[in-house]
Amino acid sequence: MNLTIDISRVDNATILTLAGELDAYTSLELRETVVRLVEEGVRSLIVNLSKVDFIDSVGLGTLVGCLKRSAEHGGTMRLVGLNPQIQKVFDITGLSKIFDIHTTNEEALKHVTPAAAGNS
C-alpha cells in the first residue's frame, strides 16, 4: 500500500493529511515532506492520521523524528484523528504522552497561535 500526503494551509497552520500505511516503505516520504516544510519556515504542523489504517515502528519513529525536527526549529506538531487501533499503539508505547493528540483539525487549530505559526 502507498502513502499519500495532502498538504493544506488553514489559518496559521499547515495540515498534512495522510492516507494509507505509514511504515518502513512509506515513511521516507513523510520525513522529506516535513523537513522541507520546516526549512521553508512552517512552525505549526498538524498531521491528520484519520485515513491511516496501519503504522509500524518505523512510522512511529518517523513521527517522533518529525516532532523533534519541528521543535528544534521553534515549531509545534500535533496529531489528529487517530483511529482506535492506532491510538492503542500510541498508548502502549507511551507516545500519547509525548504528542499533542486531538480528535479533529478544528480542535487542533484552536491550539495554534500566531507566534507558533511562523511562515505557514
Protein backbone atom coordinates (compact mmCIF):
# COMPACT_ATOMS: atom_id res chain seq x y z
CA MET A 1 0.00 0.00 0.00
CA ASN A 2 1.12 3.54 -0.62
CA LEU A 3 1.01 6.67 1.47
CA THR A 4 -0.49 9.86 0.11
CA ILE A 5 0.18 13.22 1.72
CA ASP A 6 -2.19 16.10 1.09
CA ILE A 7 -0.85 19.49 2.22
CA SER A 8 -3.19 22.35 3.04
CA ARG A 9 -2.89 25.59 4.92
CA VAL A 10 -5.61 26.68 7.32
CA ASP A 11 -5.31 29.81 9.42
CA ASN A 12 -1.77 29.76 10.80
CA ALA A 13 -1.17 26.02 10.40
CA THR A 14 -0.06 23.58 7.75
CA ILE A 15 -2.12 20.41 7.76
CA LEU A 16 -0.72 17.16 6.40
CA THR A 17 -3.49 14.66 5.75
CA LEU A 18 -2.03 11.19 5.40
CA ALA A 19 -3.83 8.27 3.79
CA GLY A 20 -2.71 4.67 3.53
CA GLU A 21 0.03 2.97 5.51
CA LEU A 22 2.83 4.67 7.43
CA ASP A 23 5.54 2.05 7.53
CA ALA A 24 9.13 1.23 6.60
CA TYR A 25 8.30 1.57 2.91
CA THR A 26 6.46 4.90 3.05
CA SER A 27 7.95 6.81 5.99
CA LEU A 28 10.71 8.47 3.98
CA GLU A 29 8.16 10.49 2.01
CA LEU A 30 6.67 11.91 5.23
CA ARG A 31 10.11 12.68 6.65
CA GLU A 32 11.19 14.51 3.48
CA THR A 33 7.93 16.49 3.38
CA VAL A 34 8.26 17.64 6.99
CA VAL A 35 11.95 18.53 6.57
CA ARG A 36 11.10 20.64 3.51
CA LEU A 37 8.21 22.41 5.24
CA VAL A 38 10.23 23.17 8.36
CA GLU A 39 13.10 24.51 6.23
CA GLU A 40 10.56 26.70 4.42
CA GLY A 41 9.60 28.22 7.78
CA VAL A 42 6.46 26.32 8.73
CA ARG A 43 6.19 26.36 12.51
CA SER A 44 2.78 24.84 13.17
CA LEU A 45 2.17 21.38 11.75
CA ILE A 46 -0.96 19.31 12.14
CA VAL A 47 -0.67 15.71 10.97
CA ASN A 48 -4.06 14.14 10.32
CA LEU A 49 -3.91 10.35 10.60
CA SER A 50 -7.65 9.66 10.24
CA LYS A 51 -7.09 7.91 6.88
CA VAL A 52 -4.06 5.92 8.03
CA ASP A 53 -5.03 2.31 8.61
CA PHE A 54 -1.61 0.91 9.57
CA ILE A 55 1.50 2.17 11.29
CA ASP A 56 4.63 0.22 12.21
CA SER A 57 7.64 1.01 14.40
CA VAL A 58 9.40 2.84 11.56
CA GLY A 59 6.31 5.00 11.06
CA LEU A 60 6.22 5.78 14.77
CA GLY A 61 9.92 6.63 14.73
CA THR A 62 9.38 8.91 11.75
CA LEU A 63 6.63 10.81 13.58
CA VAL A 64 8.92 11.21 16.61
CA GLY A 65 11.71 12.47 14.34
CA CYS A 66 9.33 14.95 12.69
CA LEU A 67 8.20 16.19 16.11
CA LYS A 68 11.84 16.64 17.16
CA ARG A 69 12.77 18.48 13.96
CA SER A 70 9.81 20.82 14.31
CA ALA A 71 10.62 21.54 17.95
CA GLU A 72 14.30 22.19 17.13
CA HIS A 73 13.12 24.97 14.81
CA GLY A 74 10.74 26.50 17.34
CA GLY A 75 7.66 24.82 15.95
CA THR A 76 4.91 22.52 17.10
CA MET A 77 3.41 19.36 15.68
CA ARG A 78 0.01 17.99 16.63
CA LEU A 79 -1.61 14.72 15.64
CA VAL A 80 -5.26 14.41 14.68
CA GLY A 81 -7.75 11.64 14.06
CA LEU A 82 -6.09 8.50 15.38
CA ASN A 83 -8.36 5.50 14.91
CA PRO A 84 -8.79 3.24 17.98
CA GLN A 85 -6.14 0.74 16.80
CA ILE A 86 -3.51 3.41 16.19
CA GLN A 87 -4.44 5.23 19.42
CA LYS A 88 -3.84 1.95 21.27
CA VAL A 89 -0.34 1.70 19.73
CA PHE A 90 0.39 5.25 20.90
CA ASP A 91 -0.89 4.43 24.40
CA ILE A 92 1.09 1.17 24.69
CA THR A 93 4.33 2.80 23.50
CA GLY A 94 3.87 5.87 25.70
CA LEU A 95 3.84 8.17 22.67
CA SER A 96 0.42 9.51 23.62
CA LYS A 97 2.24 11.33 26.44
CA ILE A 98 4.73 12.91 24.01
CA PHE A 99 2.39 14.07 21.25
CA ASP A 100 -0.46 16.56 21.44
CA ILE A 101 -3.30 14.43 20.07
CA HIS A 102 -6.64 15.89 19.01
CA THR A 103 -9.84 14.46 17.59
CA THR A 104 -10.32 16.93 14.73
CA ASN A 105 -8.37 19.50 12.74
CA GLU A 106 -10.63 22.20 14.18
CA GLU A 107 -9.77 21.16 17.73
CA ALA A 108 -6.04 21.21 16.94
CA LEU A 109 -6.33 24.60 15.24
CA LYS A 110 -7.66 26.11 18.48
CA HIS A 111 -4.19 25.49 19.96
CA VAL A 112 -2.30 27.20 17.14
CA THR A 113 -1.04 30.65 17.98
CA PRO A 114 0.21 33.26 15.52
CA ALA A 115 3.61 33.20 17.24
CA ALA A 116 3.93 29.44 16.68
CA ALA A 117 2.76 29.61 13.10
CA GLY A 118 5.79 31.31 11.60
CA ASN A 119 5.78 31.45 7.83
CA SER A 120 2.99 28.97 7.22
